[in-house]
Amino acid sequence: MALYSEKVMDHFRNPRNVGVIEDADGVGQVGNAKCGDIMKMYLKIEDDIITDVKFETFGCGSAIASSSMATEMIKGKPVEEAMKLTNKAVAEALDGLPAYKMHCSVLAEEAIQAALEDYKAKK
């Protein structure tokens, strides 16, 4: 059995929404000292809808794929819906992650939550 699904490999090789939003409405950064992965999410929000999302991730392929998939899953969604995104949903959308890489999907969830909290604090 392959270690990573085709979706993980696709999002790793061709990540979506990479970059920075200079005038972001919400920014969240999280990291895991144990594995060294760092994720930063930028959100542009209009009328409580996420109109744009970008990320910068320093980490392994699973971290990059999780960031990419998570941004795809919340783009165009209402803030309240994005708040409900779980790491399990991210991992399932990637057709699974190895158990020892599940922390990468947790980081994606936490980075989005942090960016949404930042947005709410600025409102």
PDB file of N, CA and C in Angstrom:
ATOM      1  N   MET A   1       0.846  -1.192   0.000  1.00  0.00           N
ATOM      2  CA  MET A   1       0.000   0.000   0.000  1.00  0.00           C
ATOM      3  C   MET A   1       0.888   1.252   0.000  1.00  0.00           C
ATOM      4  N   ALA A   2       0.478   2.233  -0.771  1.00  0.00           N
ATOM      5  CA  ALA A   2       1.223   3.489  -0.823  1.00  0.00           C
ATOM      6  C   ALA A   2       1.090   4.218   0.515  1.00  0.00           C
ATOM      7  N   LEU A   3       2.153   4.878   0.913  1.00  0.00           N
ATOM      8  CA  LEU A   3       2.155   5.614   2.170  1.00  0.00           C
ATOM      9  C   LEU A   3       1.199   6.801   2.116  1.00  0.00           C
ATOM     10  N   TYR A   4       1.155   7.479   0.966  1.00  0.00           N
ATOM     11  CA  TYR A   4       0.308   8.662   0.804  1.00  0.00           C
ATOM     12  C   TYR A   4      -0.664   8.474  -0.347  1.00  0.00           C
ATOM     13  N   SER A   5      -1.868   9.029  -0.190  1.00  0.00           N
ATOM     14  CA  SER A   5      -2.876   8.951  -1.244  1.00  0.00           C
ATOM     15  C   SER A   5      -2.482   9.861  -2.408  1.00  0.00           C
ATOM     16  N   GLU A   6      -3.139   9.643  -3.541  1.00  0.00           N
ATOM     17  CA  GLU A   6      -2.904  10.496  -4.712  1.00  0.00           C
ATOM     18  C   GLU A   6      -3.274  11.946  -4.395  1.00  0.00           C
ATOM     19  N   LYS A   7      -4.328  12.156  -3.594  1.00  0.00           N
ATOM     20  CA  LYS A   7      -4.735  13.523  -3.248  1.00  0.00           C
ATOM     21  C   LYS A   7      -3.674  14.211  -2.398  1.00  0.00           C
ATOM     22  N   VAL A   8      -3.075  13.484  -1.458  1.00  0.00           N
ATOM     23  CA  VAL A   8      -1.998  14.075  -0.652  1.00  0.00           C
ATOM     24  C   VAL A   8      -0.849  14.474  -1.574  1.00  0.00           C
ATOM     25  N   MET A   9      -0.470  13.571  -2.460  1.00  0.00           N
ATOM     26  CA  MET A   9       0.648  13.847  -3.371  1.00  0.00           C
ATOM     27  C   MET A   9       0.325  15.023  -4.302  1.00  0.00           C
ATOM     28  N   ASP A  10      -0.913  15.104  -4.774  1.00  0.00           N
ATOM     29  CA  ASP A  10      -1.311  16.194  -5.660  1.00  0.00           C
ATOM     30  C   ASP A  10      -1.246  17.537  -4.930  1.00  0.00           C
ATOM     31  N   HIS A  11      -1.773  17.607  -3.707  1.00  0.00           N
ATOM     32  CA  HIS A  11      -1.751  18.862  -2.945  1.00  0.00           C
ATOM     33  C   HIS A  11      -0.339  19.216  -2.480  1.00  0.00           C
ATOM     34  N   PHE A  12       0.517  18.214  -2.326  1.00  0.00           N
ATOM     35  CA  PHE A  12       1.920  18.479  -1.988  1.00  0.00           C
ATOM     36  C   PHE A  12       2.662  19.029  -3.211  1.00  0.00           C
ATOM     37  N   ARG A  13       2.479  18.372  -4.351  1.00  0.00           N
ATOM     38  CA  ARG A  13       3.198  18.784  -5.564  1.00  0.00           C
ATOM     39  C   ARG A  13       2.634  20.061  -6.190  1.00  0.00           C
ATOM     40  N   ASN A  14       1.323  20.254  -6.028  1.00  0.00           N
ATOM     41  CA  ASN A  14       0.635  21.398  -6.639  1.00  0.00           C
ATOM     42  C   ASN A  14      -0.232  22.099  -5.594  1.00  0.00           C
ATOM     43  N   PRO A  15       0.387  22.660  -4.569  1.00  0.00           N
ATOM     44  CA  PRO A  15      -0.420  23.270  -3.505  1.00  0.00           C
ATOM     45  C   PRO A  15      -1.247  24.445  -4.016  1.00  0.00           C
ATOM     46  N   ARG A  16      -2.469  24.515  -3.514  1.00  0.00           N
ATOM     47  CA  ARG A  16      -3.375  25.600  -3.870  1.00  0.00           C
ATOM     48  C   ARG A  16      -3.278  26.698  -2.814  1.00  0.00           C
ATOM     49  N   ASN A  17      -3.475  27.940  -3.248  1.00  0.00           N
ATOM     50  CA  ASN A  17      -3.600  29.089  -2.339  1.00  0.00           C
ATOM     51  C   ASN A  17      -2.340  29.399  -1.529  1.00  0.00           C
ATOM     52  N   VAL A  18      -1.168  29.174  -2.104  1.00  0.00           N
ATOM     53  CA  VAL A  18       0.077  29.509  -1.418  1.00  0.00           C
ATOM     54  C   VAL A  18       0.311  31.008  -1.552  1.00  0.00           C
ATOM     55  N   GLY A  19       0.757  31.630  -0.466  1.00  0.00           N
ATOM     56  CA  GLY A  19       1.120  33.033  -0.538  1.00  0.00           C
ATOM     57  C   GLY A  19       0.683  33.812   0.680  1.00  0.00           C
ATOM     58  N   VAL A  20       0.693  35.126   0.511  1.00  0.00           N
ATOM     59  CA  VAL A  20       0.395  36.060   1.593  1.00  0.00           C
ATOM     60  C   VAL A  20      -0.711  36.997   1.130  1.00  0.00           C
ATOM     61  N   ILE A  21      -1.612  37.350   2.024  1.00  0.00           N
ATOM     62  CA  ILE A  21      -2.587  38.411   1.768  1.00  0.00           C
ATOM     63  C   ILE A  21      -2.131  39.584   2.627  1.00  0.00           C
ATOM     64  N   GLU A  22      -1.613  40.618   1.978  1.00  0.00           N
ATOM     65  CA  GLU A  22      -1.019  41.749   2.700  1.00  0.00           C
ATOM     66  C   GLU A  22      -2.001  42.447   3.642  1.00  0.00           C
ATOM     67  N   ASP A  23      -3.229  42.649   3.186  1.00  0.00           N
ATOM     68  CA  ASP A  23      -4.222  43.342   4.012  1.00  0.00           C
ATOM     69  C   ASP A  23      -5.261  42.354   4.555  1.00  0.00           C
ATOM     70  N   ALA A  24      -4.789  41.227   5.042  1.00  0.00           N
ATOM     71  CA  ALA A  24      -5.669  40.158   5.535  1.00  0.00           C
ATOM     72  C   ALA A  24      -6.550  40.642   6.680  1.00  0.00           C
ATOM     73  N   ASP A  25      -7.768  40.116   6.697  1.00  0.00           N
ATOM     74  CA  ASP A  25      -8.706  40.418   7.784  1.00  0.00           C
ATOM     75  C   ASP A  25      -8.442  39.548   9.006  1.00  0.00           C
ATOM     76  N   GLY A  26      -7.803  38.424   8.793  1.00  0.00           N
ATOM     77  CA  GLY A  26      -7.448  37.531   9.892  1.00  0.00           C
ATOM     78  C   GLY A  26      -6.183  36.773   9.540  1.00  0.00           C
ATOM     79  N   VAL A  27      -5.269  36.663  10.508  1.00  0.00           N
ATOM     80  CA  VAL A  27      -4.023  35.925  10.310  1.00  0.00           C
ATOM     81  C   VAL A  27      -3.829  35.010  11.510  1.00  0.00           C
ATOM     82  N   GLY A  28      -3.503  33.768  11.245  1.00  0.00           N
ATOM     83  CA  GLY A  28      -3.247  32.818  12.326  1.00  0.00           C
ATOM     84  C   GLY A  28      -1.995  32.027  12.049  1.00  0.00           C
ATOM     85  N   GLN A  29      -1.157  31.889  13.063  1.00  0.00           N
ATOM     86  CA  GLN A  29       0.058  31.087  12.916  1.00  0.00           C
ATOM     87  C   GLN A  29       0.133  30.088  14.051  1.00  0.00           C
ATOM     88  N   VAL A  30       0.425  28.856  13.703  1.00  0.00           N
ATOM     89  CA  VAL A  30       0.586  27.794  14.689  1.00  0.00           C
ATOM     90  C   VAL A  30       1.807  26.980  14.328  1.00  0.00           C
ATOM     91  N   GLY A  31       2.341  26.307  15.313  1.00  0.00           N
ATOM     92  CA  GLY A  31       3.510  25.470  15.063  1.00  0.00           C
ATOM     93  C   GLY A  31       3.555  24.314  16.023  1.00  0.00           C
ATOM     94  N   ASN A  32       4.308  23.312  15.638  1.00  0.00           N
ATOM     95  CA  ASN A  32       4.493  22.137  16.467  1.00  0.00           C
ATOM     96  C   ASN A  32       6.000  21.947  16.626  1.00  0.00           C
ATOM     97  N   ALA A  33       6.496  22.268  17.809  1.00  0.00           N
ATOM     98  CA  ALA A  33       7.937  22.187  18.062  1.00  0.00           C
ATOM     99  C   ALA A  33       8.462  20.766  17.890  1.00  0.00           C
ATOM    100  N   LYS A  34       7.630  19.777  18.186  1.00  0.00           N
ATOM    101  CA  LYS A  34       8.045  18.378  18.097  1.00  0.00           C
ATOM    102  C   LYS A  34       8.438  17.988  16.669  1.00  0.00           C
ATOM    103  N   CYS A  35       7.659  18.438  15.701  1.00  0.00           N
ATOM    104  CA  CYS A  35       7.946  18.054  14.320  1.00  0.00           C
ATOM    105  C   CYS A  35       8.547  19.193  13.502  1.00  0.00           C
ATOM    106  N   GLY A  36       8.482  20.414  14.017  1.00  0.00           N
ATOM    107  CA  GLY A  36       9.064  21.545  13.318  1.00  0.00           C
ATOM    108  C   GLY A  36       8.177  22.196  12.278  1.00  0.00           C
ATOM    109  N   ASP A  37       6.931  21.736  12.130  1.00  0.00           N
ATOM    110  CA  ASP A  37       6.026  22.326  11.153  1.00  0.00           C
ATOM    111  C   ASP A  37       5.475  23.659  11.663  1.00  0.00           C
ATOM    112  N   ILE A  38       5.408  24.647  10.775  1.00  0.00           N
ATOM    113  CA  ILE A  38       4.820  25.947  11.097  1.00  0.00           C
ATOM    114  C   ILE A  38       3.867  26.303   9.964  1.00  0.00           C
ATOM    115  N   MET A  39       2.632  26.691  10.331  1.00  0.00           N
ATOM    116  CA  MET A  39       1.632  27.093   9.346  1.00  0.00           C
ATOM    117  C   MET A  39       1.145  28.489   9.659  1.00  0.00           C
ATOM    118  N   LYS A  40       0.977  29.266   8.600  1.00  0.00           N
ATOM    119  CA  LYS A  40       0.410  30.600   8.736  1.00  0.00           C
ATOM    120  C   LYS A  40      -0.707  30.724   7.706  1.00  0.00           C
ATOM    121  N   MET A  41      -1.895  31.119   8.175  1.00  0.00           N
ATOM    122  CA  MET A  41      -3.067  31.280   7.313  1.00  0.00           C
ATOM    123  C   MET A  41      -3.474  32.743   7.280  1.00  0.00           C
ATOM    124  N   TYR A  42      -3.859  33.194   6.093  1.00  0.00           N
ATOM    125  CA  TYR A  42      -4.332  34.559   5.878  1.00  0.00           C
ATOM    126  C   TYR A  42      -5.746  34.491   5.302  1.00  0.00           C
ATOM    127  N   LEU A  43      -6.659  35.272   5.876  1.00  0.00           N
ATOM    128  CA  LEU A  43      -8.041  35.278   5.410  1.00  0.00           C
ATOM    129  C   LEU A  43      -8.470  36.665   4.966  1.00  0.00           C
ATOM    130  N   LYS A  44      -9.200  36.711   3.866  1.00  0.00           N
ATOM    131  CA  LYS A  44      -9.877  37.929   3.417  1.00  0.00           C
ATOM    132  C   LYS A  44     -11.366  37.615   3.544  1.00  0.00           C
ATOM    133  N   ILE A  45     -12.075  38.450   4.287  1.00  0.00           N
ATOM    134  CA  ILE A  45     -13.475  38.167   4.599  1.00  0.00           C
ATOM    135  C   ILE A  45     -14.333  39.382   4.270  1.00  0.00           C
ATOM    136  N   GLU A  46     -15.408  39.141   3.531  1.00  0.00           N
ATOM    137  CA  GLU A  46     -16.376  40.192   3.203  1.00  0.00           C
ATOM    138  C   GLU A  46     -17.766  39.672   3.523  1.00  0.00           C
ATOM    139  N   ASP A  47     -18.521  40.460   4.287  1.00  0.00           N
ATOM    140  CA  ASP A  47     -19.879  40.072   4.694  1.00  0.00           C
ATOM    141  C   ASP A  47     -19.905  38.671   5.306  1.00  0.00           C
ATOM    142  N   ASP A  48     -18.927  38.387   6.156  1.00  0.00           N
ATOM    143  CA  ASP A  48     -18.795  37.106   6.852  1.00  0.00           C
ATOM    144  C   ASP A  48     -18.608  35.907   5.923  1.00  0.00           C
ATOM    145  N   ILE A  49     -18.126  36.157   4.712  1.00  0.00           N
ATOM    146  CA  ILE A  49     -17.793  35.087   3.764  1.00  0.00           C
ATOM    147  C   ILE A  49     -16.288  35.160   3.496  1.00  0.00           C
ATOM    148  N   ILE A  50     -15.632  34.017   3.534  1.00  0.00           N
ATOM    149  CA  ILE A  50     -14.192  33.961   3.248  1.00  0.00           C
ATOM    150  C   ILE A  50     -14.015  34.058   1.732  1.00  0.00           C
ATOM    151  N   THR A  51     -13.593  35.226   1.276  1.00  0.00           N
ATOM    152  CA  THR A  51     -13.456  35.465  -0.161  1.00  0.00           C
ATOM    153  C   THR A  51     -12.089  35.050  -0.689  1.00  0.00           C
ATOM    154  N   ASP A  52     -11.097  35.031   0.197  1.00  0.00           N
ATOM    155  CA  ASP A  52      -9.762  34.586  -0.218  1.00  0.00           C
ATOM    156  C   ASP A  52      -9.044  34.012   0.990  1.00  0.00           C
ATOM    157  N   VAL A  53      -8.193  33.058   0.735  1.00  0.00           N
ATOM    158  CA  VAL A  53      -7.389  32.442   1.790  1.00  0.00           C
ATOM    159  C   VAL A  53      -6.058  32.024   1.185  1.00  0.00           C
ATOM    160  N   LYS A  54      -4.989  32.317   1.904  1.00  0.00           N
ATOM    161  CA  LYS A  54      -3.644  31.938   1.468  1.00  0.00           C
ATOM    162  C   LYS A  54      -2.918  31.316   2.665  1.00  0.00           C
ATOM    163  N   PHE A  55      -1.877  30.559   2.369  1.00  0.00           N
ATOM    164  CA  PHE A  55      -1.094  29.973   3.450  1.00  0.00           C
ATOM    165  C   PHE A  55       0.380  29.953   3.120  1.00  0.00           C
ATOM    166  N   GLU A  56       1.165  29.936   4.192  1.00  0.00           N
ATOM    167  CA  GLU A  56       2.601  29.677   4.113  1.00  0.00           C
ATOM    168  C   GLU A  56       2.855  28.555   5.114  1.00  0.00           C
ATOM    169  N   THR A  57       3.458  27.496   4.652  1.00  0.00           N
ATOM    170  CA  THR A  57       3.753  26.365   5.532  1.00  0.00           C
ATOM    171  C   THR A  57       5.205  25.962   5.390  1.00  0.00           C
ATOM    172  N   PHE A  58       5.869  25.863   6.520  1.00  0.00           N
ATOM    173  CA  PHE A  58       7.217  25.322   6.583  1.00  0.00           C
ATOM    174  C   PHE A  58       7.057  23.952   7.221  1.00  0.00           C
ATOM    175  N   GLY A  59       7.247  22.917   6.428  1.00  0.00           N
ATOM    176  CA  GLY A  59       7.059  21.592   7.004  1.00  0.00           C
ATOM    177  C   GLY A  59       7.112  20.498   5.953  1.00  0.00           C
ATOM    178  N   CYS A  60       6.673  19.349   6.363  1.00  0.00           N
ATOM    179  CA  CYS A  60       6.724  18.150   5.525  1.00  0.00           C
ATOM    180  C   CYS A  60       5.612  18.173   4.469  1.00  0.00           C
ATOM    181  N   GLY A  61       5.625  17.197   3.608  1.00  0.00           N
ATOM    182  CA  GLY A  61       4.623  17.087   2.552  1.00  0.00           C
ATOM    183  C   GLY A  61       3.208  16.993   3.081  1.00  0.00           C
ATOM    184  N   SER A  62       3.020  16.274   4.179  1.00  0.00           N
ATOM    185  CA  SER A  62       1.685  16.151   4.769  1.00  0.00           C
ATOM    186  C   SER A  62       1.193  17.488   5.302  1.00  0.00           C
ATOM    187  N   ALA A  63       2.096  18.296   5.842  1.00  0.00           N
ATOM    188  CA  ALA A  63       1.720  19.622   6.354  1.00  0.00           C
ATOM    189  C   ALA A  63       1.311  20.534   5.199  1.00  0.00           C
ATOM    190  N   ILE A  64       2.056  20.494   4.114  1.00  0.00           N
ATOM    191  CA  ILE A  64       1.743  21.310   2.945  1.00  0.00           C
ATOM    192  C   ILE A  64       0.416  20.861   2.332  1.00  0.00           C
ATOM    193  N   ALA A  65       0.230  19.559   2.183  1.00  0.00           N
ATOM    194  CA  ALA A  65      -1.018  19.036   1.617  1.00  0.00           C
ATOM    195  C   ALA A  65      -2.213  19.379   2.506  1.00  0.00           C
ATOM    196  N   SER A  66      -2.045  19.279   3.824  1.00  0.00           N
ATOM    197  CA  SER A  66      -3.132  19.600   4.750  1.00  0.00           C
ATOM    198  C   SER A  66      -3.496  21.081   4.665  1.00  0.00           C
ATOM    199  N   SER A  67      -2.490  21.952   4.582  1.00  0.00           N
ATOM    200  CA  SER A  67      -2.739  23.387   4.452  1.00  0.00           C
ATOM    201  C   SER A  67      -3.503  23.682   3.164  1.00  0.00           C
ATOM    202  N   SER A  68      -3.023  23.102   2.075  1.00  0.00           N
ATOM    203  CA  SER A  68      -3.638  23.317   0.769  1.00  0.00           C
ATOM    204  C   SER A  68      -5.089  22.854   0.762  1.00  0.00           C
ATOM    205  N   MET A  69      -5.347  21.656   1.242  1.00  0.00           N
ATOM    206  CA  MET A  69      -6.712  21.117   1.251  1.00  0.00           C
ATOM    207  C   MET A  69      -7.618  21.943   2.157  1.00  0.00           C
ATOM    208  N   ALA A  70      -7.118  22.322   3.318  1.00  0.00           N
ATOM    209  CA  ALA A  70      -7.935  23.107   4.259  1.00  0.00           C
ATOM    210  C   ALA A  70      -8.356  24.436   3.644  1.00  0.00           C
ATOM    211  N   THR A  71      -7.438  25.090   2.922  1.00  0.00           N
ATOM    212  CA  THR A  71      -7.800  26.371   2.297  1.00  0.00           C
ATOM    213  C   THR A  71      -8.876  26.168   1.238  1.00  0.00           C
ATOM    214  N   GLU A  72      -8.772  25.088   0.487  1.00  0.00           N
ATOM    215  CA  GLU A  72      -9.786  24.788  -0.522  1.00  0.00           C
ATOM    216  C   GLU A  72     -11.146  24.546   0.128  1.00  0.00           C
ATOM    217  N   MET A  73     -11.134  23.939   1.304  1.00  0.00           N
ATOM    218  CA  MET A  73     -12.380  23.578   1.980  1.00  0.00           C
ATOM    219  C   MET A  73     -13.113  24.770   2.590  1.00  0.00           C
ATOM    220  N   ILE A  74     -12.399  25.870   2.881  1.00  0.00           N
ATOM    221  CA  ILE A  74     -13.069  27.022   3.506  1.00  0.00           C
ATOM    222  C   ILE A  74     -13.273  28.196   2.559  1.00  0.00           C
ATOM    223  N   LYS A  75     -12.605  28.199   1.446  1.00  0.00           N
ATOM    224  CA  LYS A  75     -12.728  29.324   0.496  1.00  0.00           C
ATOM    225  C   LYS A  75     -14.169  29.411  -0.006  1.00  0.00           C
ATOM    226  N   GLY A  76     -14.733  30.633   0.111  1.00  0.00           N
ATOM    227  CA  GLY A  76     -16.107  30.848  -0.325  1.00  0.00           C
ATOM    228  C   GLY A  76     -17.160  30.494   0.713  1.00  0.00           C
ATOM    229  N   LYS A  77     -16.720  30.017   1.855  1.00  0.00           N
ATOM    230  CA  LYS A  77     -17.650  29.577   2.910  1.00  0.00           C
ATOM    231  C   LYS A  77     -17.888  30.694   3.934  1.00  0.00           C
ATOM    232  N   PRO A  78     -19.053  30.650   4.599  1.00  0.00           N
ATOM    233  CA  PRO A  78     -19.290  31.584   5.701  1.00  0.00           C
ATOM    234  C   PRO A  78     -18.321  31.312   6.860  1.00  0.00           C
ATOM    235  N   VAL A  79     -18.005  32.360   7.609  1.00  0.00           N
ATOM    236  CA  VAL A  79     -17.097  32.239   8.753  1.00  0.00           C
ATOM    237  C   VAL A  79     -17.573  31.146   9.711  1.00  0.00           C
ATOM    238  N   GLU A  80     -18.858  31.126  10.018  1.00  0.00           N
ATOM    239  CA  GLU A  80     -19.380  30.141  10.976  1.00  0.00           C
ATOM    240  C   GLU A  80     -19.168  28.699  10.499  1.00  0.00           C
ATOM    241  N   GLU A  81     -19.289  28.484   9.205  1.00  0.00           N
ATOM    242  CA  GLU A  81     -19.053  27.141   8.654  1.00  0.00           C
ATOM    243  C   GLU A  81     -17.571  26.778   8.736  1.00  0.00           C
ATOM    244  N   ALA A  82     -16.706  27.745   8.426  1.00  0.00           N
ATOM    245  CA  ALA A  82     -15.263  27.512   8.482  1.00  0.00           C
ATOM    246  C   ALA A  82     -14.810  27.195   9.901  1.00  0.00           C
ATOM    247  N   MET A  83     -15.478  27.792  10.898  1.00  0.00           N
ATOM    248  CA  MET A  83     -15.136  27.536  12.308  1.00  0.00           C
ATOM    249  C   MET A  83     -15.334  26.067  12.667  1.00  0.00           C
ATOM    250  N   LYS A  84     -16.184  25.375  11.918  1.00  0.00           N
ATOM    251  CA  LYS A  84     -16.515  23.975  12.231  1.00  0.00           C
ATOM    252  C   LYS A  84     -15.598  22.971  11.526  1.00  0.00           C
ATOM    253  N   LEU A  85     -14.667  23.478  10.711  1.00  0.00           N
ATOM    254  CA  LEU A  85     -13.759  22.563  10.004  1.00  0.00           C
ATOM    255  C   LEU A  85     -12.907  21.795  11.008  1.00  0.00           C
ATOM    256  N   THR A  86     -12.850  20.488  10.839  1.00  0.00           N
ATOM    257  CA  THR A  86     -12.069  19.649  11.752  1.00  0.00           C
ATOM    258  C   THR A  86     -10.872  19.033  11.029  1.00  0.00           C
ATOM    259  N   ASN A  87      -9.886  18.647  11.823  1.00  0.00           N
ATOM    260  CA  ASN A  87      -8.730  17.974  11.230  1.00  0.00           C
ATOM    261  C   ASN A  87      -9.153  16.660  10.582  1.00  0.00           C
ATOM    262  N   LYS A  88     -10.155  16.005  11.150  1.00  0.00           N
ATOM    263  CA  LYS A  88     -10.638  14.746  10.590  1.00  0.00           C
ATOM    264  C   LYS A  88     -11.203  14.966   9.188  1.00  0.00           C
ATOM    265  N   ALA A  89     -11.938  16.070   9.013  1.00  0.00           N
ATOM    266  CA  ALA A  89     -12.499  16.384   7.694  1.00  0.00           C
ATOM    267  C   ALA A  89     -11.390  16.658   6.685  1.00  0.00           C
ATOM    268  N   VAL A  90     -10.338  17.353   7.123  1.00  0.00           N
ATOM    269  CA  VAL A  90      -9.201  17.634   6.241  1.00  0.00           C
ATOM    270  C   VAL A  90      -8.526  16.329   5.834  1.00  0.00           C
ATOM    271  N   ALA A  91      -8.261  15.465   6.802  1.00  0.00           N
ATOM    272  CA  ALA A  91      -7.618  14.173   6.515  1.00  0.00           C
ATOM    273  C   ALA A  91      -8.485  13.319   5.590  1.00  0.00           C
ATOM    274  N   GLU A  92      -9.796  13.304   5.832  1.00  0.00           N
ATOM    275  CA  GLU A  92     -10.700  12.526   4.974  1.00  0.00           C
ATOM    276  C   GLU A  92     -10.719  13.077   3.547  1.00  0.00           C
ATOM    277  N   ALA A  93     -10.695  14.403   3.419  1.00  0.00           N
ATOM    278  CA  ALA A  93     -10.694  15.019   2.090  1.00  0.00           C
ATOM    279  C   ALA A  93      -9.417  14.667   1.314  1.00  0.00           C
ATOM    280  N   LEU A  94      -8.348  14.388   2.054  1.00  0.00           N
ATOM    281  CA  LEU A  94      -7.077  13.974   1.436  1.00  0.00           C
ATOM    282  C   LEU A  94      -7.015  12.455   1.231  1.00  0.00           C
ATOM    283  N   ASP A  95      -8.131  11.779   1.471  1.00  0.00           N
ATOM    284  CA  ASP A  95      -8.190  10.307   1.399  1.00  0.00           C
ATOM    285  C   ASP A  95      -7.261   9.659   2.420  1.00  0.00           C
ATOM    286  N   GLY A  96      -7.119  10.329   3.563  1.00  0.00           N
ATOM    287  CA  GLY A  96      -6.376   9.766   4.686  1.00  0.00           C
ATOM    288  C   GLY A  96      -4.933  10.228   4.762  1.00  0.00           C
ATOM    289  N   LEU A  97      -4.435  10.198   5.998  1.00  0.00           N
ATOM    290  CA  LEU A  97      -3.030  10.468   6.288  1.00  0.00           C
ATOM    291  C   LEU A  97      -2.525   9.334   7.166  1.00  0.00           C
ATOM    292  N   PRO A  98      -1.238   9.007   7.089  1.00  0.00           N
ATOM    293  CA  PRO A  98      -0.705   8.007   8.030  1.00  0.00           C
ATOM    294  C   PRO A  98      -0.924   8.509   9.463  1.00  0.00           C
ATOM    295  N   ALA A  99      -1.158   7.597  10.382  1.00  0.00           N
ATOM    296  CA  ALA A  99      -1.462   7.970  11.773  1.00  0.00           C
ATOM    297  C   ALA A  99      -0.421   8.926  12.353  1.00  0.00           C
ATOM    298  N   TYR A 100       0.842   8.692  12.051  1.00  0.00           N
ATOM    299  CA  TYR A 100       1.892   9.538  12.620  1.00  0.00           C
ATOM    300  C   TYR A 100       1.978  10.913  11.942  1.00  0.00           C
ATOM    301  N   LYS A 101       1.140  11.144  10.932  1.00  0.00           N
ATOM    302  CA  LYS A 101       1.097  12.447  10.256  1.00  0.00           C
ATOM    303  C   LYS A 101      -0.221  13.188  10.508  1.00  0.00           C
ATOM    304  N   MET A 102      -1.089  12.627  11.332  1.00  0.00           N
ATOM    305  CA  MET A 102      -2.382  13.280  11.612  1.00  0.00           C
ATOM    306  C   MET A 102      -2.198  14.648  12.258  1.00  0.00           C
ATOM    307  N   HIS A 103      -1.077  14.860  12.961  1.00  0.00           N
ATOM    308  CA  HIS A 103      -0.849  16.174  13.581  1.00  0.00           C
ATOM    309  C   HIS A 103      -0.809  17.284  12.538  1.00  0.00           C
ATOM    310  N   CYS A 104      -0.495  16.945  11.299  1.00  0.00           N
ATOM    311  CA  CYS A 104      -0.460  17.951  10.232  1.00  0.00           C
ATOM    312  C   CYS A 104      -1.860  18.483   9.951  1.00  0.00           C
ATOM    313  N   SER A 105      -2.849  17.595   9.944  1.00  0.00           N
ATOM    314  CA  SER A 105      -4.223  18.059   9.727  1.00  0.00           C
ATOM    315  C   SER A 105      -4.713  18.841  10.945  1.00  0.00           C
ATOM    316  N   VAL A 106      -4.223  18.485  12.129  1.00  0.00           N
ATOM    317  CA  VAL A 106      -4.570  19.242  13.347  1.00  0.00           C
ATOM    318  C   VAL A 106      -4.014  20.660  13.235  1.00  0.00           C
ATOM    319  N   LEU A 107      -2.797  20.805  12.757  1.00  0.00           N
ATOM    320  CA  LEU A 107      -2.208  22.133  12.579  1.00  0.00           C
ATOM    321  C   LEU A 107      -3.021  22.971  11.590  1.00  0.00           C
ATOM    322  N   ALA A 108      -3.502  22.359  10.513  1.00  0.00           N
ATOM    323  CA  ALA A 108      -4.312  23.091   9.532  1.00  0.00           C
ATOM    324  C   ALA A 108      -5.591  23.607  10.192  1.00  0.00           C
ATOM    325  N   GLU A 109      -6.244  22.756  10.961  1.00  0.00           N
ATOM    326  CA  GLU A 109      -7.449  23.172  11.690  1.00  0.00           C
ATOM    327  C   GLU A 109      -7.116  24.315  12.648  1.00  0.00           C
ATOM    328  N   GLU A 110      -6.044  24.169  13.405  1.00  0.00           N
ATOM    329  CA  GLU A 110      -5.669  25.180  14.399  1.00  0.00           C
ATOM    330  C   GLU A 110      -5.268  26.506  13.748  1.00  0.00           C
ATOM    331  N   ALA A 111      -4.608  26.465  12.593  1.00  0.00           N
ATOM    332  CA  ALA A 111      -4.208  27.692  11.907  1.00  0.00           C
ATOM    333  C   ALA A 111      -5.437  28.461  11.418  1.00  0.00           C
ATOM    334  N   ILE A 112      -6.412  27.737  10.891  1.00  0.00           N
ATOM    335  CA  ILE A 112      -7.651  28.383  10.444  1.00  0.00           C
ATOM    336  C   ILE A 112      -8.393  28.965  11.640  1.00  0.00           C
ATOM    337  N   GLN A 113      -8.478  28.194  12.724  1.00  0.00           N
ATOM    338  CA  GLN A 113      -9.149  28.694  13.933  1.00  0.00           C
ATOM    339  C   GLN A 113      -8.470  29.961  14.443  1.00  0.00           C
ATOM    340  N   ALA A 114      -7.135  29.964  14.445  1.00  0.00           N
ATOM    341  CA  ALA A 114      -6.385  31.132  14.922  1.00  0.00           C
ATOM    342  C   ALA A 114      -6.642  32.349  14.030  1.00  0.00           C
ATOM    343  N   ALA A 115      -6.700  32.146  12.716  1.00  0.00           N
ATOM    344  CA  ALA A 115      -6.971  33.252  11.790  1.00  0.00           C
ATOM    345  C   ALA A 115      -8.387  33.784  11.979  1.00  0.00           C
ATOM    346  N   LEU A 116      -9.339  32.874  12.206  1.00  0.00           N
ATOM    347  CA  LEU A 116     -10.722  33.299  12.436  1.00  0.00           C
ATOM    348  C   LEU A 116     -10.860  34.033  13.764  1.00  0.00           C
ATOM    349  N   GLU A 117     -10.138  33.590  14.772  1.00  0.00           N
ATOM    350  CA  GLU A 117     -10.153  34.280  16.073  1.00  0.00           C
ATOM    351  C   GLU A 117      -9.564  35.674  15.926  1.00  0.00           C
ATOM    352  N   ASP A 118      -8.486  35.789  15.154  1.00  0.00           N
ATOM    353  CA  ASP A 118      -7.861  37.087  14.899  1.00  0.00           C
ATOM    354  C   ASP A 118      -8.856  38.010  14.190  1.00  0.00           C
ATOM    355  N   TYR A 119      -9.574  37.494  13.215  1.00  0.00           N
ATOM    356  CA  TYR A 119     -10.586  38.260  12.485  1.00  0.00           C
ATOM    357  C   TYR A 119     -11.664  38.756  13.452  1.00  0.00           C
ATOM    358  N   LYS A 120     -12.159  37.854  14.293  1.00  0.00           N
ATOM    359  CA  LYS A 120     -13.228  38.227  15.233  1.00  0.00           C
ATOM    360  C   LYS A 120     -12.743  39.258  16.246  1.00  0.00           C
ATOM    361  N   ALA A 121     -11.491  39.150  16.658  1.00  0.00           N
ATOM    362  CA  ALA A 121     -10.925  40.098  17.640  1.00  0.00           C
ATOM    363  C   ALA A 121     -10.793  41.491  17.020  1.00  0.00           C
ATOM    364  N   LYS A 122     -10.569  41.558  15.717  1.00  0.00           N
ATOM    365  CA  LYS A 122     -10.407  42.847  15.024  1.00  0.00           C
ATOM    366  C   LYS A 122     -11.729  43.524  14.727  1.00  0.00           C
ATOM    367  N   LYS A 123     -12.806  42.751  14.719  1.00  0.00           N
ATOM    368  CA  LYS A 123     -14.127  43.300  14.367  1.00  0.00           C
ATOM    369  C   LYS A 123     -14.640  44.249  15.415  1.00  0.00           C
TER     370      LYS A 123
END
